[in-house]
Amino acid sequence: HEPELLNDLAAQRLAPLDQLRPNQRARLAETLLSWLSHQGERAKVAAELHIHPQTVGYRVGQLREIFGDALDDPLTRFELEMVLRAGHS
């Protein structure tokens, strides 16, 4: 119910994606949301995004390079999923 707070959180959590081209950012944000939603189950992510499971692995590898250890933190993962579900990318 606090859009300004959500916008600030999105800016903070998604800042690592700022270095990417818009198309790449959108693709990786979509992959990240699906990966978080399916708790890392590659086959489910691949089916949802209509891509090969190896492509999921490649993209998640990119995300791990960009976000580092933050993807292993439960609170960060929750906040990332929240802002991505709210339409931020």
PDB file of N, CA and C in Angstrom:
ATOM      1  N   HIS A   1       0.812  -1.202   0.000  1.00  0.00           N
ATOM      2  CA  HIS A   1       0.000   0.000   0.000  1.00  0.00           C
ATOM      3  C   HIS A   1       0.851   1.259   0.000  1.00  0.00           C
ATOM      4  N   GLU A   2       2.157   1.083   0.039  1.00  0.00           N
ATOM      5  CA  GLU A   2       3.072   2.218   0.035  1.00  0.00           C
ATOM      6  C   GLU A   2       3.907   2.185  -1.243  1.00  0.00           C
ATOM      7  N   PRO A   3       3.386   2.740  -2.334  1.00  0.00           N
ATOM      8  CA  PRO A   3       4.091   2.646  -3.614  1.00  0.00           C
ATOM      9  C   PRO A   3       5.493   3.256  -3.581  1.00  0.00           C
ATOM     10  N   GLU A   4       5.665   4.321  -2.838  1.00  0.00           N
ATOM     11  CA  GLU A   4       6.982   4.957  -2.775  1.00  0.00           C
ATOM     12  C   GLU A   4       8.010   4.031  -2.123  1.00  0.00           C
ATOM     13  N   LEU A   5       7.609   3.347  -1.071  1.00  0.00           N
ATOM     14  CA  LEU A   5       8.509   2.403  -0.412  1.00  0.00           C
ATOM     15  C   LEU A   5       8.856   1.244  -1.350  1.00  0.00           C
ATOM     16  N   LEU A   6       7.856   0.749  -2.063  1.00  0.00           N
ATOM     17  CA  LEU A   6       8.089  -0.342  -3.008  1.00  0.00           C
ATOM     18  C   LEU A   6       8.999   0.114  -4.141  1.00  0.00           C
ATOM     19  N   ASN A   7       8.813   1.334  -4.609  1.00  0.00           N
ATOM     20  CA  ASN A   7       9.690   1.874  -5.661  1.00  0.00           C
ATOM     21  C   ASN A   7      11.130   1.978  -5.167  1.00  0.00           C
ATOM     22  N   ASP A   8      11.311   2.430  -3.939  1.00  0.00           N
ATOM     23  CA  ASP A   8      12.658   2.530  -3.369  1.00  0.00           C
ATOM     24  C   ASP A   8      13.295   1.154  -3.220  1.00  0.00           C
ATOM     25  N   LEU A   9      12.517   0.183  -2.748  1.00  0.00           N
ATOM     26  CA  LEU A   9      13.024  -1.172  -2.599  1.00  0.00           C
ATOM     27  C   LEU A   9      13.387  -1.758  -3.960  1.00  0.00           C
ATOM     28  N   ALA A  10      12.539  -1.525  -4.952  1.00  0.00           N
ATOM     29  CA  ALA A  10      12.818  -2.023  -6.304  1.00  0.00           C
ATOM     30  C   ALA A  10      14.099  -1.409  -6.843  1.00  0.00           C
ATOM     31  N   ALA A  11      14.278  -0.115  -6.666  1.00  0.00           N
ATOM     32  CA  ALA A  11      15.488   0.544  -7.142  1.00  0.00           C
ATOM     33  C   ALA A  11      16.730  -0.046  -6.485  1.00  0.00           C
ATOM     34  N   GLN A  12      16.627  -0.329  -5.198  1.00  0.00           N
ATOM     35  CA  GLN A  12      17.754  -0.893  -4.462  1.00  0.00           C
ATOM     36  C   GLN A  12      18.033  -2.334  -4.888  1.00  0.00           C
ATOM     37  N   ARG A  13      17.021  -3.166  -4.881  1.00  0.00           N
ATOM     38  CA  ARG A  13      17.212  -4.596  -5.150  1.00  0.00           C
ATOM     39  C   ARG A  13      17.549  -4.880  -6.612  1.00  0.00           C
ATOM     40  N   LEU A  14      16.996  -4.088  -7.530  1.00  0.00           N
ATOM     41  CA  LEU A  14      17.217  -4.340  -8.948  1.00  0.00           C
ATOM     42  C   LEU A  14      18.366  -3.521  -9.528  1.00  0.00           C
ATOM     43  N   ALA A  15      19.040  -2.752  -8.697  1.00  0.00           N
ATOM     44  CA  ALA A  15      20.161  -1.926  -9.156  1.00  0.00           C
ATOM     45  C   ALA A  15      21.229  -2.726  -9.905  1.00  0.00           C
ATOM     46  N   PRO A  16      21.535  -3.951  -9.511  1.00  0.00           N
ATOM     47  CA  PRO A  16      22.546  -4.698 -10.268  1.00  0.00           C
ATOM     48  C   PRO A  16      22.189  -4.900 -11.741  1.00  0.00           C
ATOM     49  N   LEU A  17      20.911  -4.826 -12.079  1.00  0.00           N
ATOM     50  CA  LEU A  17      20.502  -4.982 -13.479  1.00  0.00           C
ATOM     51  C   LEU A  17      20.671  -3.699 -14.298  1.00  0.00           C
ATOM     52  N   ASP A  18      20.982  -2.596 -13.635  1.00  0.00           N
ATOM     53  CA  ASP A  18      21.098  -1.302 -14.317  1.00  0.00           C
ATOM     54  C   ASP A  18      22.189  -1.286 -15.380  1.00  0.00           C
ATOM     55  N   GLN A  19      23.164  -2.152 -15.243  1.00  0.00           N
ATOM     56  CA  GLN A  19      24.289  -2.181 -16.178  1.00  0.00           C
ATOM     57  C   GLN A  19      23.943  -2.840 -17.511  1.00  0.00           C
ATOM     58  N   LEU A  20      22.771  -3.442 -17.608  1.00  0.00           N
ATOM     59  CA  LEU A  20      22.394  -4.219 -18.784  1.00  0.00           C
ATOM     60  C   LEU A  20      21.613  -3.385 -19.805  1.00  0.00           C
ATOM     61  N   ARG A  21      21.634  -3.860 -21.047  1.00  0.00           N
ATOM     62  CA  ARG A  21      20.790  -3.263 -22.087  1.00  0.00           C
ATOM     63  C   ARG A  21      19.328  -3.568 -21.740  1.00  0.00           C
ATOM     64  N   PRO A  22      18.398  -2.727 -22.161  1.00  0.00           N
ATOM     65  CA  PRO A  22      16.984  -2.910 -21.790  1.00  0.00           C
ATOM     66  C   PRO A  22      16.436  -4.307 -22.114  1.00  0.00           C
ATOM     67  N   ASN A  23      16.723  -4.842 -23.295  1.00  0.00           N
ATOM     68  CA  ASN A  23      16.205  -6.168 -23.651  1.00  0.00           C
ATOM     69  C   ASN A  23      16.795  -7.253 -22.759  1.00  0.00           C
ATOM     70  N   GLN A  24      18.086  -7.143 -22.484  1.00  0.00           N
ATOM     71  CA  GLN A  24      18.749  -8.131 -21.628  1.00  0.00           C
ATOM     72  C   GLN A  24      18.214  -8.024 -20.202  1.00  0.00           C
ATOM     73  N   ARG A  25      18.014  -6.814 -19.741  1.00  0.00           N
ATOM     74  CA  ARG A  25      17.481  -6.595 -18.396  1.00  0.00           C
ATOM     75  C   ARG A  25      16.089  -7.222 -18.265  1.00  0.00           C
ATOM     76  N   ALA A  26      15.237  -6.994 -19.248  1.00  0.00           N
ATOM     77  CA  ALA A  26      13.875  -7.543 -19.207  1.00  0.00           C
ATOM     78  C   ALA A  26      13.903  -9.070 -19.216  1.00  0.00           C
ATOM     79  N   ARG A  27      14.748  -9.649 -20.050  1.00  0.00           N
ATOM     80  CA  ARG A  27      14.846 -11.106 -20.152  1.00  0.00           C
ATOM     81  C   ARG A  27      15.335 -11.711 -18.836  1.00  0.00           C
ATOM     82  N   LEU A  28      16.358 -11.101 -18.247  1.00  0.00           N
ATOM     83  CA  LEU A  28      16.887 -11.639 -16.993  1.00  0.00           C
ATOM     84  C   LEU A  28      15.934 -11.394 -15.823  1.00  0.00           C
ATOM     85  N   ALA A  29      15.229 -10.285 -15.829  1.00  0.00           N
ATOM     86  CA  ALA A  29      14.240 -10.028 -14.776  1.00  0.00           C
ATOM     87  C   ALA A  29      13.110 -11.058 -14.856  1.00  0.00           C
ATOM     88  N   GLU A  30      12.671 -11.366 -16.071  1.00  0.00           N
ATOM     89  CA  GLU A  30      11.631 -12.377 -16.263  1.00  0.00           C
ATOM     90  C   GLU A  30      12.115 -13.749 -15.785  1.00  0.00           C
ATOM     91  N   THR A  31      13.355 -14.072 -16.123  1.00  0.00           N
ATOM     92  CA  THR A  31      13.931 -15.341 -15.687  1.00  0.00           C
ATOM     93  C   THR A  31      14.059 -15.383 -14.171  1.00  0.00           C
ATOM     94  N   LEU A  32      14.506 -14.285 -13.587  1.00  0.00           N
ATOM     95  CA  LEU A  32      14.668 -14.229 -12.137  1.00  0.00           C
ATOM     96  C   LEU A  32      13.334 -14.445 -11.432  1.00  0.00           C
ATOM     97  N   LEU A  33      12.288 -13.788 -11.889  1.00  0.00           N
ATOM     98  CA  LEU A  33      10.981 -13.951 -11.268  1.00  0.00           C
ATOM     99  C   LEU A  33      10.509 -15.398 -11.370  1.00  0.00           C
ATOM    100  N   SER A  34      10.650 -15.983 -12.531  1.00  0.00           N
ATOM    101  CA  SER A  34      10.231 -17.375 -12.702  1.00  0.00           C
ATOM    102  C   SER A  34      11.072 -18.300 -11.828  1.00  0.00           C
ATOM    103  N   TRP A  35      12.367 -18.071 -11.790  1.00  0.00           N
ATOM    104  CA  TRP A  35      13.283 -18.888 -10.982  1.00  0.00           C
ATOM    105  C   TRP A  35      12.932 -18.789  -9.498  1.00  0.00           C
ATOM    106  N   LEU A  36      12.628 -17.593  -9.037  1.00  0.00           N
ATOM    107  CA  LEU A  36      12.232 -17.417  -7.640  1.00  0.00           C
ATOM    108  C   LEU A  36      10.882 -18.076  -7.368  1.00  0.00           C
ATOM    109  N   SER A  37       9.950 -17.901  -8.275  1.00  0.00           N
ATOM    110  CA  SER A  37       8.604 -18.452  -8.106  1.00  0.00           C
ATOM    111  C   SER A  37       8.612 -19.975  -8.062  1.00  0.00           C
ATOM    112  N   HIS A  38       9.503 -20.582  -8.845  1.00  0.00           N
ATOM    113  CA  HIS A  38       9.571 -22.042  -8.921  1.00  0.00           C
ATOM    114  C   HIS A  38      10.694 -22.611  -8.067  1.00  0.00           C
ATOM    115  N   GLN A  39      11.223 -21.788  -7.183  1.00  0.00           N
ATOM    116  CA  GLN A  39      12.258 -22.193  -6.230  1.00  0.00           C
ATOM    117  C   GLN A  39      13.421 -22.911  -6.915  1.00  0.00           C
ATOM    118  N   GLY A  40      13.806 -22.355  -8.062  1.00  0.00           N
ATOM    119  CA  GLY A  40      14.985 -22.860  -8.751  1.00  0.00           C
ATOM    120  C   GLY A  40      14.792 -24.128  -9.563  1.00  0.00           C
ATOM    121  N   GLU A  41      13.571 -24.599  -9.713  1.00  0.00           N
ATOM    122  CA  GLU A  41      13.338 -25.813 -10.495  1.00  0.00           C
ATOM    123  C   GLU A  41      13.429 -25.495 -11.983  1.00  0.00           C
ATOM    124  N   ARG A  42      14.574 -25.862 -12.546  1.00  0.00           N
ATOM    125  CA  ARG A  42      14.918 -25.498 -13.920  1.00  0.00           C
ATOM    126  C   ARG A  42      13.854 -25.923 -14.931  1.00  0.00           C
ATOM    127  N   ALA A  43      13.328 -27.138 -14.809  1.00  0.00           N
ATOM    128  CA  ALA A  43      12.337 -27.629 -15.777  1.00  0.00           C
ATOM    129  C   ALA A  43      11.067 -26.775 -15.756  1.00  0.00           C
ATOM    130  N   LYS A  44      10.633 -26.378 -14.567  1.00  0.00           N
ATOM    131  CA  LYS A  44       9.420 -25.544 -14.461  1.00  0.00           C
ATOM    132  C   LYS A  44       9.660 -24.155 -15.038  1.00  0.00           C
ATOM    133  N   VAL A  45      10.834 -23.599 -14.778  1.00  0.00           N
ATOM    134  CA  VAL A  45      11.178 -22.285 -15.332  1.00  0.00           C
ATOM    135  C   VAL A  45      11.217 -22.368 -16.852  1.00  0.00           C
ATOM    136  N   ALA A  46      11.860 -23.396 -17.372  1.00  0.00           N
ATOM    137  CA  ALA A  46      11.965 -23.577 -18.820  1.00  0.00           C
ATOM    138  C   ALA A  46      10.587 -23.697 -19.456  1.00  0.00           C
ATOM    139  N   ALA A  47       9.707 -24.482 -18.839  1.00  0.00           N
ATOM    140  CA  ALA A  47       8.357 -24.648 -19.376  1.00  0.00           C
ATOM    141  C   ALA A  47       7.586 -23.329 -19.361  1.00  0.00           C
ATOM    142  N   GLU A  48       7.697 -22.595 -18.266  1.00  0.00           N
ATOM    143  CA  GLU A  48       6.970 -21.318 -18.167  1.00  0.00           C
ATOM    144  C   GLU A  48       7.460 -20.305 -19.192  1.00  0.00           C
ATOM    145  N   LEU A  49       8.757 -20.257 -19.398  1.00  0.00           N
ATOM    146  CA  LEU A  49       9.343 -19.253 -20.299  1.00  0.00           C
ATOM    147  C   LEU A  49       9.477 -19.755 -21.735  1.00  0.00           C
ATOM    148  N   HIS A  50       9.139 -21.020 -21.967  1.00  0.00           N
ATOM    149  CA  HIS A  50       9.239 -21.629 -23.295  1.00  0.00           C
ATOM    150  C   HIS A  50      10.663 -21.565 -23.836  1.00  0.00           C
ATOM    151  N   ILE A  51      11.608 -21.954 -22.975  1.00  0.00           N
ATOM    152  CA  ILE A  51      13.017 -21.997 -23.355  1.00  0.00           C
ATOM    153  C   ILE A  51      13.597 -23.341 -22.920  1.00  0.00           C
ATOM    154  N   HIS A  52      14.770 -23.644 -23.405  1.00  0.00           N
ATOM    155  CA  HIS A  52      15.442 -24.900 -23.071  1.00  0.00           C
ATOM    156  C   HIS A  52      15.978 -24.818 -21.638  1.00  0.00           C
ATOM    157  N   PRO A  53      15.962 -25.935 -20.894  1.00  0.00           N
ATOM    158  CA  PRO A  53      16.511 -25.923 -19.535  1.00  0.00           C
ATOM    159  C   PRO A  53      17.967 -25.452 -19.463  1.00  0.00           C
ATOM    160  N   GLN A  54      18.749 -25.726 -20.502  1.00  0.00           N
ATOM    161  CA  GLN A  54      20.138 -25.239 -20.503  1.00  0.00           C
ATOM    162  C   GLN A  54      20.182 -23.717 -20.578  1.00  0.00           C
ATOM    163  N   THR A  55      19.214 -23.137 -21.276  1.00  0.00           N
ATOM    164  CA  THR A  55      19.136 -21.674 -21.353  1.00  0.00           C
ATOM    165  C   THR A  55      18.821 -21.098 -19.974  1.00  0.00           C
ATOM    166  N   VAL A  56      17.965 -21.788 -19.243  1.00  0.00           N
ATOM    167  CA  VAL A  56      17.670 -21.370 -17.866  1.00  0.00           C
ATOM    168  C   VAL A  56      18.959 -21.371 -17.059  1.00  0.00           C
ATOM    169  N   GLY A  57      19.728 -22.447 -17.163  1.00  0.00           N
ATOM    170  CA  GLY A  57      20.992 -22.535 -16.434  1.00  0.00           C
ATOM    171  C   GLY A  57      21.948 -21.419 -16.801  1.00  0.00           C
ATOM    172  N   TYR A  58      22.021 -21.105 -18.088  1.00  0.00           N
ATOM    173  CA  TYR A  58      22.890 -20.021 -18.547  1.00  0.00           C
ATOM    174  C   TYR A  58      22.441 -18.684 -17.950  1.00  0.00           C
ATOM    175  N   ARG A  59      21.143 -18.422 -18.025  1.00  0.00           N
ATOM    176  CA  ARG A  59      20.625 -17.152 -17.497  1.00  0.00           C
ATOM    177  C   ARG A  59      20.801 -17.058 -15.984  1.00  0.00           C
ATOM    178  N   VAL A  60      20.556 -18.142 -15.268  1.00  0.00           N
ATOM    179  CA  VAL A  60      20.736 -18.127 -13.818  1.00  0.00           C
ATOM    180  C   VAL A  60      22.213 -17.900 -13.495  1.00  0.00           C
ATOM    181  N   GLY A  61      23.099 -18.452 -14.302  1.00  0.00           N
ATOM    182  CA  GLY A  61      24.527 -18.182 -14.132  1.00  0.00           C
ATOM    183  C   GLY A  61      24.827 -16.700 -14.281  1.00  0.00           C
ATOM    184  N   GLN A  62      24.212 -16.076 -15.272  1.00  0.00           N
ATOM    185  CA  GLN A  62      24.375 -14.627 -15.450  1.00  0.00           C
ATOM    186  C   GLN A  62      23.842 -13.879 -14.228  1.00  0.00           C
ATOM    187  N   LEU A  63      22.677 -14.296 -13.758  1.00  0.00           N
ATOM    188  CA  LEU A  63      22.089 -13.638 -12.589  1.00  0.00           C
ATOM    189  C   LEU A  63      22.983 -13.786 -11.361  1.00  0.00           C
ATOM    190  N   ARG A  64      23.588 -14.949 -11.209  1.00  0.00           N
ATOM    191  CA  ARG A  64      24.494 -15.165 -10.066  1.00  0.00           C
ATOM    192  C   ARG A  64      25.738 -14.280 -10.182  1.00  0.00           C
ATOM    193  N   GLU A  65      26.220 -14.068 -11.399  1.00  0.00           N
ATOM    194  CA  GLU A  65      27.355 -13.154 -11.588  1.00  0.00           C
ATOM    195  C   GLU A  65      26.957 -11.732 -11.227  1.00  0.00           C
ATOM    196  N   ILE A  66      25.756 -11.348 -11.598  1.00  0.00           N
ATOM    197  CA  ILE A  66      25.286  -9.976 -11.380  1.00  0.00           C
ATOM    198  C   ILE A  66      24.939  -9.721  -9.907  1.00  0.00           C
ATOM    199  N   PHE A  67      24.209 -10.650  -9.294  1.00  0.00           N
ATOM    200  CA  PHE A  67      23.725 -10.456  -7.928  1.00  0.00           C
ATOM    201  C   PHE A  67      24.633 -11.057  -6.863  1.00  0.00           C
ATOM    202  N   GLY A  68      25.506 -11.964  -7.251  1.00  0.00           N
ATOM    203  CA  GLY A  68      26.420 -12.572  -6.292  1.00  0.00           C
ATOM    204  C   GLY A  68      25.691 -13.366  -5.218  1.00  0.00           C
ATOM    205  N   ASP A  69      26.221 -13.304  -4.008  1.00  0.00           N
ATOM    206  CA  ASP A  69      25.669 -14.069  -2.884  1.00  0.00           C
ATOM    207  C   ASP A  69      24.274 -13.618  -2.458  1.00  0.00           C
ATOM    208  N   ALA A  70      23.836 -12.471  -2.939  1.00  0.00           N
ATOM    209  CA  ALA A  70      22.506 -11.973  -2.553  1.00  0.00           C
ATOM    210  C   ALA A  70      21.410 -12.965  -2.926  1.00  0.00           C
ATOM    211  N   LEU A  71      21.619 -13.748  -3.983  1.00  0.00           N
ATOM    212  CA  LEU A  71      20.602 -14.712  -4.398  1.00  0.00           C
ATOM    213  C   LEU A  71      20.477 -15.892  -3.435  1.00  0.00           C
ATOM    214  N   ASP A  72      21.420 -16.005  -2.510  1.00  0.00           N
ATOM    215  CA  ASP A  72      21.355 -17.062  -1.512  1.00  0.00           C
ATOM    216  C   ASP A  72      20.708 -16.601  -0.205  1.00  0.00           C
ATOM    217  N   ASP A  73      20.411 -15.323  -0.110  1.00  0.00           N
ATOM    218  CA  ASP A  73      19.818 -14.759   1.100  1.00  0.00           C
ATOM    219  C   ASP A  73      18.289 -14.794   0.998  1.00  0.00           C
ATOM    220  N   PRO A  74      17.617 -15.474   1.925  1.00  0.00           N
ATOM    221  CA  PRO A  74      16.155 -15.600   1.851  1.00  0.00           C
ATOM    222  C   PRO A  74      15.412 -14.258   1.834  1.00  0.00           C
ATOM    223  N   LEU A  75      15.850 -13.294   2.625  1.00  0.00           N
ATOM    224  CA  LEU A  75      15.181 -11.992   2.649  1.00  0.00           C
ATOM    225  C   LEU A  75      15.332 -11.279   1.309  1.00  0.00           C
ATOM    226  N   THR A  76      16.523 -11.309   0.754  1.00  0.00           N
ATOM    227  CA  THR A  76      16.754 -10.679  -0.547  1.00  0.00           C
ATOM    228  C   THR A  76      15.907 -11.349  -1.618  1.00  0.00           C
ATOM    229  N   ARG A  77      15.856 -12.671  -1.594  1.00  0.00           N
ATOM    230  CA  ARG A  77      15.049 -13.396  -2.567  1.00  0.00           C
ATOM    231  C   ARG A  77      13.578 -13.012  -2.442  1.00  0.00           C
ATOM    232  N   PHE A  78      13.085 -12.899  -1.207  1.00  0.00           N
ATOM    233  CA  PHE A  78      11.698 -12.490  -0.984  1.00  0.00           C
ATOM    234  C   PHE A  78      11.461 -11.089  -1.547  1.00  0.00           C
ATOM    235  N   GLU A  79      12.362 -10.166  -1.236  1.00  0.00           N
ATOM    236  CA  GLU A  79      12.198  -8.786  -1.705  1.00  0.00           C
ATOM    237  C   GLU A  79      12.287  -8.702  -3.225  1.00  0.00           C
ATOM    238  N   LEU A  80      13.193  -9.463  -3.825  1.00  0.00           N
ATOM    239  CA  LEU A  80      13.286  -9.483  -5.284  1.00  0.00           C
ATOM    240  C   LEU A  80      11.985  -9.993  -5.896  1.00  0.00           C
ATOM    241  N   GLU A  81      11.465 -11.084  -5.363  1.00  0.00           N
ATOM    242  CA  GLU A  81      10.230 -11.632  -5.903  1.00  0.00           C
ATOM    243  C   GLU A  81       9.084 -10.629  -5.734  1.00  0.00           C
ATOM    244  N   MET A  82       9.033  -9.972  -4.603  1.00  0.00           N
ATOM    245  CA  MET A  82       7.974  -9.009  -4.331  1.00  0.00           C
ATOM    246  C   MET A  82       8.008  -7.857  -5.348  1.00  0.00           C
ATOM    247  N   VAL A  83       9.179  -7.268  -5.566  1.00  0.00           N
ATOM    248  CA  VAL A  83       9.232  -6.119  -6.482  1.00  0.00           C
ATOM    249  C   VAL A  83       9.016  -6.555  -7.928  1.00  0.00           C
ATOM    250  N   LEU A  84       9.485  -7.746  -8.284  1.00  0.00           N
ATOM    251  CA  LEU A  84       9.249  -8.225  -9.650  1.00  0.00           C
ATOM    252  C   LEU A  84       7.776  -8.549  -9.871  1.00  0.00           C
ATOM    253  N   ARG A  85       7.119  -9.139  -8.882  1.00  0.00           N
ATOM    254  CA  ARG A  85       5.690  -9.416  -9.005  1.00  0.00           C
ATOM    255  C   ARG A  85       4.881  -8.123  -9.077  1.00  0.00           C
ATOM    256  N   ALA A  86       5.390  -7.069  -8.471  1.00  0.00           N
ATOM    257  CA  ALA A  86       4.699  -5.769  -8.503  1.00  0.00           C
ATOM    258  C   ALA A  86       4.895  -5.050  -9.832  1.00  0.00           C
ATOM    259  N   GLY A  87       5.641  -5.670 -10.741  1.00  0.00           N
ATOM    260  CA  GLY A  87       5.796  -5.097 -12.077  1.00  0.00           C
ATOM    261  C   GLY A  87       7.061  -4.324 -12.317  1.00  0.00           C
ATOM    262  N   HIS A  88       7.954  -4.311 -11.340  1.00  0.00           N
ATOM    263  CA  HIS A  88       9.238  -3.632 -11.533  1.00  0.00           C
ATOM    264  C   HIS A  88      10.170  -4.588 -12.264  1.00  0.00           C
ATOM    265  N   SER A  89      11.017  -4.030 -13.096  1.00  0.00           N
ATOM    266  CA  SER A  89      12.024  -4.880 -13.750  1.00  0.00           C
ATOM    267  C   SER A  89      13.221  -4.055 -14.169  1.00  0.00           C
TER     268      SER A  89
END
